[in-house]
Amino acid sequence: MKMNRVLFVLGFVLILALYSDATFQALINSSSCCSSYFHGNIPPKLIVKVEKTDPSCAKRGFMITTLRQRLCVRKVSATGK
């Protein structure tokens, strides 16, 4: 009887650990993934940072951080005009 309780508690703890890890990963990935893309031009002087999206994202691209916001684009071209 005690062994059943121990196995039940261990199983419950394992499920909680797996669920919390999956939730944590979803929170991390949501901030480094794109849900939609910006299709306009961004003047290079406004760009603060360019980062690739996480490889696990469904939509890959680049996160462009400007002085005011973060935008997702499919590709980056360095025209410098």
C-alpha atoms as a PDB file:
ATOM      1  CA  MET A   1       0.000   0.000   0.000  1.00  0.00           C
ATOM      2  CA  LYS A   2       2.810   2.422   0.865  1.00  0.00           C
ATOM      3  CA  MET A   3       4.581   1.551  -2.393  1.00  0.00           C
ATOM      4  CA  ASN A   4       1.473   2.550  -4.379  1.00  0.00           C
ATOM      5  CA  ARG A   5       1.429   5.951  -2.683  1.00  0.00           C
ATOM      6  CA  VAL A   6       5.130   6.475  -3.335  1.00  0.00           C
ATOM      7  CA  LEU A   7       4.718   5.597  -7.016  1.00  0.00           C
ATOM      8  CA  PHE A   8       1.671   7.844  -7.279  1.00  0.00           C
ATOM      9  CA  VAL A   9       3.517  10.812  -5.739  1.00  0.00           C
ATOM     10  CA  LEU A  10       6.594  10.228  -7.915  1.00  0.00           C
ATOM     11  CA  GLY A  11       4.432  10.023 -11.032  1.00  0.00           C
ATOM     12  CA  PHE A  12       2.610  13.199 -10.061  1.00  0.00           C
ATOM     13  CA  VAL A  13       5.890  15.056  -9.458  1.00  0.00           C
ATOM     14  CA  LEU A  14       7.246  13.836 -12.806  1.00  0.00           C
ATOM     15  CA  ILE A  15       4.158  15.051 -14.654  1.00  0.00           C
ATOM     16  CA  LEU A  16       4.379  18.449 -12.955  1.00  0.00           C
ATOM     17  CA  ALA A  17       8.068  18.760 -13.831  1.00  0.00           C
ATOM     18  CA  LEU A  18       7.465  17.921 -17.499  1.00  0.00           C
ATOM     19  CA  TYR A  19       4.492  20.273 -17.747  1.00  0.00           C
ATOM     20  CA  SER A  20       6.311  23.190 -16.118  1.00  0.00           C
ATOM     21  CA  ASP A  21       9.342  22.683 -18.410  1.00  0.00           C
ATOM     22  CA  ALA A  22       7.113  22.692 -21.513  1.00  0.00           C
ATOM     23  CA  THR A  23       5.327  25.829 -20.319  1.00  0.00           C
ATOM     24  CA  PHE A  24       8.648  27.534 -19.607  1.00  0.00           C
ATOM     25  CA  GLN A  25       9.973  26.663 -23.082  1.00  0.00           C
ATOM     26  CA  ALA A  26       6.790  28.005 -24.682  1.00  0.00           C
ATOM     27  CA  LEU A  27       7.261  31.310 -22.879  1.00  0.00           C
ATOM     28  CA  ILE A  28      10.875  31.548 -24.002  1.00  0.00           C
ATOM     29  CA  ASN A  29      10.100  30.660 -27.614  1.00  0.00           C
ATOM     30  CA  SER A  30       7.148  33.003 -27.918  1.00  0.00           C
ATOM     31  CA  SER A  31       9.390  36.011 -27.367  1.00  0.00           C
ATOM     32  CA  SER A  32      11.929  34.859 -29.971  1.00  0.00           C
ATOM     33  CA  CYS A  33       9.475  33.681 -32.654  1.00  0.00           C
ATOM     34  CA  CYS A  34       7.478  35.550 -35.287  1.00  0.00           C
ATOM     35  CA  SER A  35       3.713  35.316 -35.604  1.00  0.00           C
ATOM     36  CA  SER A  36       3.582  37.628 -38.645  1.00  0.00           C
ATOM     37  CA  TYR A  37       6.021  39.443 -40.898  1.00  0.00           C
ATOM     38  CA  PHE A  38       6.578  43.130 -41.640  1.00  0.00           C
ATOM     39  CA  HIS A  39       6.749  43.686 -45.419  1.00  0.00           C
ATOM     40  CA  GLY A  40       7.908  47.304 -45.635  1.00  0.00           C
ATOM     41  CA  ASN A  41      11.345  48.894 -45.661  1.00  0.00           C
ATOM     42  CA  ILE A  42      13.122  49.810 -42.448  1.00  0.00           C
ATOM     43  CA  PRO A  43      15.707  52.602 -42.705  1.00  0.00           C
ATOM     44  CA  PRO A  44      19.084  51.211 -41.543  1.00  0.00           C
ATOM     45  CA  LYS A  45      19.683  54.180 -39.227  1.00  0.00           C
ATOM     46  CA  LEU A  46      16.657  53.142 -37.123  1.00  0.00           C
ATOM     47  CA  ILE A  47      17.838  49.534 -36.598  1.00  0.00           C
ATOM     48  CA  VAL A  48      19.317  48.851 -33.181  1.00  0.00           C
ATOM     49  CA  LYS A  49      19.692  45.049 -33.365  1.00  0.00           C
ATOM     50  CA  VAL A  50      19.062  42.134 -35.760  1.00  0.00           C
ATOM     51  CA  GLU A  51      18.626  38.569 -34.449  1.00  0.00           C
ATOM     52  CA  LYS A  52      17.690  35.271 -36.088  1.00  0.00           C
ATOM     53  CA  THR A  53      14.571  33.635 -34.716  1.00  0.00           C
ATOM     54  CA  ASP A  54      14.954  30.474 -32.669  1.00  0.00           C
ATOM     55  CA  PRO A  55      15.371  27.309 -34.813  1.00  0.00           C
ATOM     56  CA  SER A  56      12.358  25.729 -33.086  1.00  0.00           C
ATOM     57  CA  CYS A  57       9.998  28.484 -34.320  1.00  0.00           C
ATOM     58  CA  ALA A  58       7.288  27.543 -36.816  1.00  0.00           C
ATOM     59  CA  LYS A  59       7.925  30.765 -38.766  1.00  0.00           C
ATOM     60  CA  ARG A  60      11.603  31.542 -39.177  1.00  0.00           C
ATOM     61  CA  GLY A  61      12.987  34.954 -39.927  1.00  0.00           C
ATOM     62  CA  PHE A  62      14.759  37.833 -38.258  1.00  0.00           C
ATOM     63  CA  MET A  63      13.748  39.987 -35.296  1.00  0.00           C
ATOM     64  CA  ILE A  64      14.577  43.617 -36.030  1.00  0.00           C
ATOM     65  CA  THR A  65      14.728  45.879 -32.988  1.00  0.00           C
ATOM     66  CA  THR A  66      14.270  49.543 -33.833  1.00  0.00           C
ATOM     67  CA  LEU A  67      14.213  52.556 -31.563  1.00  0.00           C
ATOM     68  CA  ARG A  68      10.442  52.116 -31.039  1.00  0.00           C
ATOM     69  CA  GLN A  69       9.470  48.480 -31.644  1.00  0.00           C
ATOM     70  CA  ARG A  70      10.395  44.919 -32.602  1.00  0.00           C
ATOM     71  CA  LEU A  71       9.474  43.680 -36.054  1.00  0.00           C
ATOM     72  CA  CYS A  72       9.773  40.317 -37.776  1.00  0.00           C
ATOM     73  CA  VAL A  73      10.968  40.043 -41.362  1.00  0.00           C
ATOM     74  CA  ARG A  74      11.593  37.043 -43.608  1.00  0.00           C
ATOM     75  CA  LYS A  75      14.984  38.190 -44.863  1.00  0.00           C
ATOM     76  CA  VAL A  76      17.435  40.997 -44.273  1.00  0.00           C
ATOM     77  CA  SER A  77      19.074  42.874 -47.113  1.00  0.00           C
ATOM     78  CA  ALA A  78      21.842  45.375 -46.454  1.00  0.00           C
ATOM     79  CA  THR A  79      21.352  48.102 -49.022  1.00  0.00           C
ATOM     80  CA  GLY A  80      22.644  50.997 -46.944  1.00  0.00           C
ATOM     81  CA  LYS A  81      20.794  53.565 -49.116  1.00  0.00           C
END
